[in-house]
């Protein structure tokens, strides 16, 4: 039986994870941002270090490279990694999306192959779901995987593919039955990114770092890399997207932003005239409001983890957490600019930058947090239909 950590054990685990990050995050990512956290450009080295230290997939069974820990323990670690602003995109896609999905519908052979590789930091996954004509409307994807003997031949185009420039593998969705109804005929695969016929193009984003588009030209995937049932990928992918919306890393990042704002307004001279912004009643009220909302976001995250440990369905809860923390991060970013003023605009490298340029990095990144992984509108729809039982 998995034992939920006590409060003291949780604090110790959180402290260990933070210490690890502060000692291990590569110095070369300083000032390189992606959605308010460190850039993916050096996440390969950090991901491997995470694996070597045993921080990846702790809730997975020991036979698959994990520690048979609880989801609550993993949530504690994720929150600490977010607070440390670690480069996490590849970690989150490899563990939350692909690895946890594989635990649900992968074969024993696939679990034995991929999960230990991820847990050791040797395999990093990106997610090949979105396409130019198929973002929120997942059923409209056009990339094809045609069965040919013991292989599938893949042709098509993916976009908005986080971490594809550093990933070793892709969690790929492709259409295997072009004659099927829109949301049928889709299958999921594990794809080695070194496969001939794959081209990755990167482009910068407003939130820092890069996203990617990936082209497939007669790329061949072994049939044994099919995940779950052929042509049932849509239903499996919806479960994967739920898992992607687990939010504790974002809660940790939001907590850091708010802690730094509190620290700044408490300093003498923060009001520009020798006084403290923290003495202003309106500032106190706004920060109190944001702190309260942060505690709500943390509660959502740990509720999800506890429900996972109890084997309960959590589809709507994932959307609660994802929606709430995205809006909260935007609210913290907006309030920071309003309260701090001009100094909140100076980026990393400037002599005037506050906290190494944290504030403008989070501000630039915050709009994407209500889009990536499913827009806020989609989350509200999930909550209405799956959470409240309202008609589609």
Protein backbone atom coordinates (compact mmCIF):
# COMPACT_ATOMS: atom_id res chain seq x y z
CA UNK A 1 0.00 0.00 0.00
CA UNK A 2 1.31 3.44 -0.93
CA UNK A 3 1.64 5.78 2.04
CA UNK A 4 0.79 9.47 1.63
CA UNK A 5 3.69 11.61 2.94
CA UNK A 6 3.19 13.41 6.23
CA UNK A 7 3.49 17.20 6.32
CA UNK A 8 7.04 16.93 7.63
CA UNK A 9 7.98 14.35 4.99
CA UNK A 10 6.45 16.54 2.27
CA UNK A 11 8.46 19.55 3.44
CA UNK A 12 11.65 17.49 3.46
CA UNK A 13 10.97 16.10 -0.03
CA UNK A 14 10.21 19.59 -1.35
CA UNK A 15 13.44 20.89 0.16
CA UNK A 16 15.49 18.08 -1.37
CA UNK A 17 14.01 18.73 -4.82
CA UNK A 18 14.68 22.46 -4.58
CA UNK A 19 18.27 21.90 -3.43
CA UNK A 20 18.80 19.53 -6.35
CA UNK A 21 17.50 22.11 -8.83
CA UNK A 22 19.54 25.00 -7.48
CA UNK A 23 22.71 22.90 -7.74
CA UNK A 24 21.94 21.30 -11.11
CA UNK A 25 20.09 23.70 -13.45
CA UNK A 26 22.64 24.65 -16.13
CA UNK A 27 23.91 28.23 -15.87
CA UNK A 28 23.55 28.53 -19.64
CA UNK A 29 19.75 28.76 -19.34
CA UNK A 30 19.85 31.95 -17.28
CA UNK A 31 17.79 34.56 -19.07
CA UNK A 32 16.57 32.04 -21.66
CA UNK A 33 12.88 31.64 -21.04
CA UNK A 34 10.09 29.42 -22.20
CA UNK A 35 6.63 30.20 -20.79
CA UNK A 36 8.18 31.80 -17.73
CA UNK A 37 10.49 28.92 -16.82
CA UNK A 38 13.96 28.02 -18.05
CA UNK A 39 14.53 27.32 -21.73
CA UNK A 40 14.33 23.82 -23.18
CA UNK A 41 17.63 24.42 -24.95
CA UNK A 42 19.57 22.77 -22.11
CA UNK A 43 16.81 20.55 -20.77
CA UNK A 44 18.51 17.42 -22.11
CA UNK A 45 21.32 17.67 -19.59
CA UNK A 46 18.94 18.62 -16.78
CA UNK A 47 16.54 15.82 -17.70
CA UNK A 48 19.36 13.27 -17.56
CA UNK A 49 20.45 14.65 -14.21
CA UNK A 50 16.88 14.30 -12.91
CA UNK A 51 16.85 10.67 -14.00
CA UNK A 52 20.22 9.85 -12.48
CA UNK A 53 19.09 11.34 -9.17
CA UNK A 54 15.81 9.36 -9.15
CA UNK A 55 13.38 12.27 -9.53
CA UNK A 56 11.55 11.01 -12.64
CA UNK A 57 8.43 8.81 -12.52
CA UNK A 58 8.54 8.21 -8.79
CA UNK A 59 4.93 6.97 -8.77
CA UNK A 60 5.67 4.30 -11.39
CA UNK A 61 6.24 0.70 -10.22
CA UNK A 62 9.80 -0.25 -9.30
CA UNK A 63 9.94 -2.76 -12.16
CA UNK A 64 9.47 0.13 -14.59
CA UNK A 65 12.15 2.36 -13.09
CA UNK A 66 9.98 4.16 -10.53
CA UNK A 67 9.79 4.00 -6.76
CA UNK A 68 6.17 2.90 -6.35
CA UNK A 69 5.55 6.20 -4.59
CA UNK A 70 2.24 8.07 -4.50
CA UNK A 71 0.95 10.60 -7.00
CA UNK A 72 0.95 13.04 -4.07
CA UNK A 73 4.72 12.61 -3.78
CA UNK A 74 5.14 13.29 -7.50
CA UNK A 75 2.93 16.38 -7.14
CA UNK A 76 5.20 17.65 -4.34
CA UNK A 77 8.23 17.18 -6.59
CA UNK A 78 6.51 18.83 -9.57
CA UNK A 79 5.60 21.86 -7.45
CA UNK A 80 9.20 22.19 -6.31
CA UNK A 81 10.53 21.89 -9.87
CA UNK A 82 8.15 24.64 -10.96
CA UNK A 83 9.19 26.86 -8.07
CA UNK A 84 12.83 26.43 -9.09
CA UNK A 85 11.95 27.46 -12.67
CA UNK A 86 13.56 24.28 -13.97
CA UNK A 87 13.43 23.54 -17.74
CA UNK A 88 10.47 21.17 -17.57
CA UNK A 89 8.76 20.81 -20.95
CA UNK A 90 10.49 17.56 -21.89
CA UNK A 91 10.08 16.21 -18.33
CA UNK A 92 6.37 16.95 -18.23
CA UNK A 93 5.66 15.53 -21.68
CA UNK A 94 7.73 12.43 -21.02
CA UNK A 95 6.26 11.70 -17.59
CA UNK A 96 2.80 13.24 -17.35
CA UNK A 97 1.68 12.69 -20.92
CA UNK A 98 3.49 9.76 -22.53
CA UNK A 99 4.63 7.77 -19.50
CA UNK A 100 1.37 7.99 -17.57
CA UNK A 101 -0.59 7.21 -20.75
CA UNK A 102 1.59 4.17 -21.37
CA UNK A 103 0.78 2.95 -17.87
CA UNK A 104 -2.91 3.03 -18.85
CA UNK A 105 -2.95 1.37 -22.27
CA UNK A 106 0.57 0.26 -23.20
CA UNK A 107 1.59 -3.38 -23.48
CA UNK A 108 3.85 -4.97 -20.89
CA UNK A 109 6.66 -5.00 -23.46
CA UNK A 110 6.20 -1.29 -24.22
CA UNK A 111 6.18 -0.37 -20.55
CA UNK A 112 9.32 -2.41 -19.95
CA UNK A 113 11.04 -0.73 -22.89
CA UNK A 114 10.13 2.93 -22.49
CA UNK A 115 9.38 3.65 -18.84
CA UNK A 116 12.83 2.67 -17.48
CA UNK A 117 14.43 4.73 -20.26
CA UNK A 118 12.40 7.78 -19.25
CA UNK A 119 12.97 7.24 -15.54
CA UNK A 120 16.73 7.04 -16.14
CA UNK A 121 16.68 10.28 -18.15
CA UNK A 122 17.67 8.50 -21.36
CA UNK A 123 14.43 9.07 -23.35
CA UNK A 124 12.72 12.46 -23.72
CA UNK A 125 9.36 12.64 -25.48
CA UNK A 126 7.67 15.44 -27.36
CA UNK A 127 3.99 15.28 -28.29
CA UNK A 128 2.97 15.14 -31.95
CA UNK A 129 -0.75 15.89 -31.72
CA UNK A 130 -1.42 19.44 -33.03
CA UNK A 131 -1.39 20.25 -36.75
CA UNK A 132 -1.95 23.43 -38.79
CA UNK A 133 -5.60 22.41 -39.33
CA UNK A 134 -6.06 20.38 -36.14
CA UNK A 135 -5.39 22.13 -32.86
CA UNK A 136 -8.32 22.13 -30.50
CA UNK A 137 -10.24 20.08 -33.08
CA UNK A 138 -8.09 16.98 -32.62
CA UNK A 139 -10.33 14.88 -34.86
CA UNK A 140 -9.32 16.94 -37.91
CA UNK A 141 -5.70 15.79 -37.98
CA UNK A 142 -4.40 14.79 -41.41
CA UNK A 143 -1.03 13.15 -40.79
CA UNK A 144 -1.32 9.57 -42.04
CA UNK A 145 0.21 6.27 -40.95
CA UNK A 146 -0.30 3.60 -43.60
CA UNK A 147 0.29 -0.03 -42.63
CA UNK A 148 2.88 -1.76 -44.83
CA UNK A 149 3.88 -5.20 -43.63
CA UNK A 150 5.33 -4.89 -40.14
CA UNK A 151 5.68 -1.08 -40.40
CA UNK A 152 3.60 2.08 -40.66
CA UNK A 153 4.66 4.74 -43.17
CA UNK A 154 4.03 8.26 -41.85
CA UNK A 155 3.48 11.41 -43.91
CA UNK A 156 2.26 14.77 -42.65
CA UNK A 157 2.98 17.91 -40.67
CA UNK A 158 2.80 18.72 -36.94
CA UNK A 159 3.08 22.17 -35.36
CA UNK A 160 3.39 23.80 -31.89
CA UNK A 161 5.48 20.78 -30.92
CA UNK A 162 7.20 21.64 -27.64
CA UNK A 163 10.68 20.17 -27.12
CA UNK A 164 10.90 18.50 -30.55
CA UNK A 165 14.31 20.14 -30.99
CA UNK A 166 15.73 18.20 -28.03
CA UNK A 167 13.45 15.14 -27.80
CA UNK A 168 14.67 11.63 -28.48
CA UNK A 169 11.14 10.32 -29.16
CA UNK A 170 7.68 11.55 -30.13
CA UNK A 171 4.25 10.52 -28.89
CA UNK A 172 2.59 10.65 -32.30
CA UNK A 173 -1.07 10.74 -33.35
CA UNK A 174 -1.78 9.82 -36.97
CA UNK A 175 -4.75 8.79 -39.09
CA UNK A 176 -4.67 5.06 -39.85
CA UNK A 177 -8.14 4.79 -41.46
CA UNK A 178 -8.85 7.74 -43.78
CA UNK A 179 -12.34 6.39 -44.51
CA UNK A 180 -13.45 6.41 -40.88
CA UNK A 181 -15.69 9.02 -39.26
CA UNK A 182 -13.79 12.13 -38.13
CA UNK A 183 -12.96 11.07 -34.56
CA UNK A 184 -12.28 7.47 -35.48
CA UNK A 185 -9.47 6.01 -37.50
CA UNK A 186 -6.75 7.71 -35.42
CA UNK A 187 -3.92 5.74 -33.79
CA UNK A 188 -1.08 6.56 -31.41
CA UNK A 189 2.59 5.61 -31.75
CA UNK A 190 5.97 5.91 -30.08
CA UNK A 191 8.39 7.31 -32.67
CA UNK A 192 12.19 7.54 -32.53
CA UNK A 193 13.10 11.10 -33.61
CA UNK A 194 16.20 9.77 -35.40
CA UNK A 195 13.96 7.95 -37.88
CA UNK A 196 14.82 8.93 -41.48
CA UNK A 197 12.23 11.20 -43.06
CA UNK A 198 11.71 13.54 -40.06
CA UNK A 199 12.51 17.26 -40.27
CA UNK A 200 12.22 19.66 -37.31
CA UNK A 201 12.01 23.44 -37.80
CA UNK A 202 12.10 25.74 -34.74
CA UNK A 203 10.64 29.22 -34.34
CA UNK A 204 10.76 31.72 -31.43
CA UNK A 205 7.73 32.60 -29.31
CA UNK A 206 6.57 35.69 -27.42
CA UNK A 207 6.91 33.75 -24.17
CA UNK A 208 10.57 32.94 -24.90
CA UNK A 209 12.27 29.79 -26.11
CA UNK A 210 11.02 28.03 -29.23
CA UNK A 211 8.22 25.89 -30.53
CA UNK A 212 8.60 23.58 -33.51
CA UNK A 213 6.96 22.23 -36.61
CA UNK A 214 7.76 18.66 -37.62
CA UNK A 215 7.49 17.23 -41.13
CA UNK A 216 7.22 13.53 -41.96
CA UNK A 217 8.12 12.19 -45.39
CA UNK A 218 7.77 8.42 -45.62
CA UNK A 219 9.02 7.95 -42.06
CA UNK A 220 8.73 4.31 -41.06
CA UNK A 221 7.56 3.16 -37.61
CA UNK A 222 7.72 -0.51 -36.52
CA UNK A 223 4.22 -1.89 -36.02
CA UNK A 224 5.17 -2.87 -32.48
CA UNK A 225 5.31 0.86 -31.67
CA UNK A 226 1.52 1.16 -32.00
CA UNK A 227 0.18 2.20 -28.59
CA UNK A 228 -3.14 0.76 -27.55
CA UNK A 229 -5.66 -0.30 -30.19
CA UNK A 230 -5.43 0.69 -33.82
CA UNK A 231 -8.04 3.32 -34.75
CA UNK A 232 -8.91 3.94 -31.08
CA UNK A 233 -6.34 6.67 -30.63
CA UNK A 234 -8.83 9.52 -30.24
CA UNK A 235 -10.25 8.09 -27.01
CA UNK A 236 -6.79 7.29 -25.70
CA UNK A 237 -5.50 10.75 -26.66
CA UNK A 238 -8.31 12.43 -24.72
CA UNK A 239 -7.07 10.62 -21.61
CA UNK A 240 -3.51 11.71 -22.42
CA UNK A 241 -4.64 15.32 -22.70
CA UNK A 242 -6.28 15.06 -19.28
CA UNK A 243 -2.95 13.90 -17.86
CA UNK A 244 -1.15 16.80 -19.59
CA UNK A 245 -3.32 19.24 -17.63
CA UNK A 246 -1.96 18.22 -14.23
CA UNK A 247 -0.92 21.58 -12.86
CA UNK A 248 1.46 21.36 -9.91
CA UNK A 249 4.51 22.63 -11.78
CA UNK A 250 2.52 25.72 -12.78
CA UNK A 251 1.35 26.15 -9.21
CA UNK A 252 4.99 26.15 -8.10
CA UNK A 253 5.92 28.73 -10.74
CA UNK A 254 2.97 30.94 -9.74
CA UNK A 255 3.97 30.65 -6.12
CA UNK A 256 7.51 31.81 -6.93
CA UNK A 257 6.21 34.84 -8.85
CA UNK A 258 3.96 35.85 -5.97
CA UNK A 259 6.68 35.26 -3.35
CA UNK A 260 9.05 37.51 -5.30
CA UNK A 261 6.38 40.21 -5.60
CA UNK A 262 5.81 40.07 -1.84
CA UNK A 263 9.57 40.28 -1.28
CA UNK A 264 9.89 43.29 -3.56
CA UNK A 265 7.02 45.36 -2.11
CA UNK A 266 8.40 44.75 1.39
CA UNK A 267 11.71 46.45 0.57
CA UNK A 268 12.44 50.01 1.64
CA UNK A 269 12.28 52.32 -1.33
CA UNK A 270 10.06 50.08 -3.42
CA UNK A 271 7.56 52.93 -3.79
CA UNK A 272 10.27 55.11 -5.38
CA UNK A 273 10.30 57.58 -2.50
CA UNK A 274 11.92 55.70 0.36
CA UNK A 275 8.75 53.99 1.52
CA UNK A 276 7.42 50.51 0.87
CA UNK A 277 4.73 49.50 -1.60
CA UNK A 278 3.76 46.84 0.89
CA UNK A 279 2.42 49.55 3.21
CA UNK A 280 -0.16 50.63 0.61
CA UNK A 281 -3.58 49.27 1.52
CA UNK A 282 -4.58 48.52 -2.08
CA UNK A 283 -1.36 46.55 -2.61
CA UNK A 284 -1.95 44.52 0.55
CA UNK A 285 -5.48 43.70 -0.53
CA UNK A 286 -4.44 42.62 -4.03
CA UNK A 287 -1.64 40.40 -2.75
CA UNK A 288 -3.96 38.89 -0.13
CA UNK A 289 -6.47 38.09 -2.88
CA UNK A 290 -3.80 36.47 -5.05
CA UNK A 291 -2.41 34.44 -2.14
CA UNK A 292 -5.88 33.10 -1.43
CA UNK A 293 -6.32 32.08 -5.06
CA UNK A 294 -2.90 30.42 -5.03
CA UNK A 295 -3.99 28.25 -2.13
CA UNK A 296 -7.09 27.26 -4.12
CA UNK A 297 -4.88 26.29 -7.07
CA UNK A 298 -2.67 24.16 -4.80
CA UNK A 299 -5.77 22.48 -3.41
CA UNK A 300 -6.91 21.57 -6.92
CA UNK A 301 -3.51 20.07 -7.68
CA UNK A 302 -3.30 17.95 -4.57
CA UNK A 303 -6.95 16.89 -4.91
CA UNK A 304 -6.10 15.50 -8.34
CA UNK A 305 -3.10 13.63 -6.91
CA UNK A 306 -5.12 12.17 -4.04
CA UNK A 307 -7.89 11.07 -6.41
CA UNK A 308 -5.34 9.39 -8.68
CA UNK A 309 -3.94 7.52 -5.69
CA UNK A 310 -7.49 6.46 -4.79
CA UNK A 311 -8.20 5.29 -8.34
CA UNK A 312 -10.96 7.85 -8.91
CA UNK A 313 -11.87 9.54 -12.17
CA UNK A 314 -10.36 13.02 -12.41
CA UNK A 315 -11.09 14.31 -15.93
CA UNK A 316 -13.04 17.38 -14.82
CA UNK A 317 -10.62 17.98 -11.92
CA UNK A 318 -7.69 18.19 -14.36
CA UNK A 319 -9.59 20.92 -16.19
CA UNK A 320 -10.41 22.73 -12.94
CA UNK A 321 -6.73 22.88 -12.07
CA UNK A 322 -5.46 23.74 -15.54
CA UNK A 323 -8.01 26.52 -16.06
CA UNK A 324 -7.53 28.01 -12.61
CA UNK A 325 -3.74 28.13 -12.51
CA UNK A 326 -3.53 29.60 -16.01
CA UNK A 327 -5.86 32.45 -15.09
CA UNK A 328 -4.09 32.87 -11.75
CA UNK A 329 -0.68 33.21 -13.42
CA UNK A 330 -2.08 35.90 -15.70
CA UNK A 331 -3.57 37.70 -12.69
CA UNK A 332 -0.24 37.62 -10.82
CA UNK A 333 1.61 38.89 -13.90
CA UNK A 334 -0.87 41.71 -14.45
CA UNK A 335 -0.84 42.72 -10.79
CA UNK A 336 2.97 42.72 -10.73
CA UNK A 337 3.18 45.14 -13.65
CA UNK A 338 0.50 47.35 -12.10
CA UNK A 339 2.15 47.41 -8.66
CA UNK A 340 5.85 47.52 -9.56
CA UNK A 341 5.45 49.74 -12.60
CA UNK A 342 8.23 50.48 -15.07
CA UNK A 343 10.86 48.39 -13.30
CA UNK A 344 8.77 45.28 -13.96
CA UNK A 345 9.61 45.62 -17.66
CA UNK A 346 13.40 45.22 -17.52
CA UNK A 347 14.57 41.89 -18.92
CA UNK A 348 17.41 39.59 -17.86
CA UNK A 349 20.77 41.26 -18.55
CA UNK A 350 19.64 44.77 -17.74
CA UNK A 351 21.20 46.53 -14.75
CA UNK A 352 17.67 47.47 -13.71
CA UNK A 353 16.21 43.94 -13.92
CA UNK A 354 14.46 42.72 -10.78
CA UNK A 355 15.00 39.09 -9.76
CA UNK A 356 16.95 38.35 -12.94
CA UNK A 357 14.08 39.51 -15.15
CA UNK A 358 11.48 37.17 -13.66
CA UNK A 359 8.58 39.62 -13.86
CA UNK A 360 8.63 40.45 -17.59
CA UNK A 361 9.37 36.80 -18.45
CA UNK A 362 6.23 35.63 -16.65
CA UNK A 363 4.19 38.51 -18.08
CA UNK A 364 5.15 37.66 -21.67
CA UNK A 365 4.53 33.97 -21.11
CA UNK A 366 1.22 34.18 -19.26
CA UNK A 367 -1.13 34.46 -22.27
CA UNK A 368 0.06 31.09 -23.57
CA UNK A 369 -0.91 29.36 -20.33
CA UNK A 370 -4.59 29.72 -21.18
CA UNK A 371 -3.99 28.24 -24.66
CA UNK A 372 -1.33 25.51 -24.47
CA UNK A 373 -2.63 22.10 -23.46
CA UNK A 374 -6.20 23.10 -24.25
CA UNK A 375 -7.66 26.60 -24.17
CA UNK A 376 -9.65 27.99 -21.27
CA UNK A 377 -12.81 27.67 -23.38
CA UNK A 378 -12.16 23.95 -23.81
CA UNK A 379 -11.55 23.52 -20.09
CA UNK A 380 -14.86 25.22 -19.29
CA UNK A 381 -16.59 22.87 -21.72
CA UNK A 382 -15.01 19.83 -20.09
CA UNK A 383 -16.07 21.05 -16.65
CA UNK A 384 -19.63 21.67 -17.86
CA UNK A 385 -20.06 18.33 -19.66
CA UNK A 386 -17.93 15.88 -17.70
CA UNK A 387 -18.01 17.62 -14.35
CA UNK A 388 -21.60 18.86 -14.21
CA UNK A 389 -23.29 16.47 -16.62
CA UNK A 390 -24.62 19.22 -18.88
CA UNK A 391 -25.51 18.33 -22.49
CA UNK A 392 -22.90 18.76 -25.22
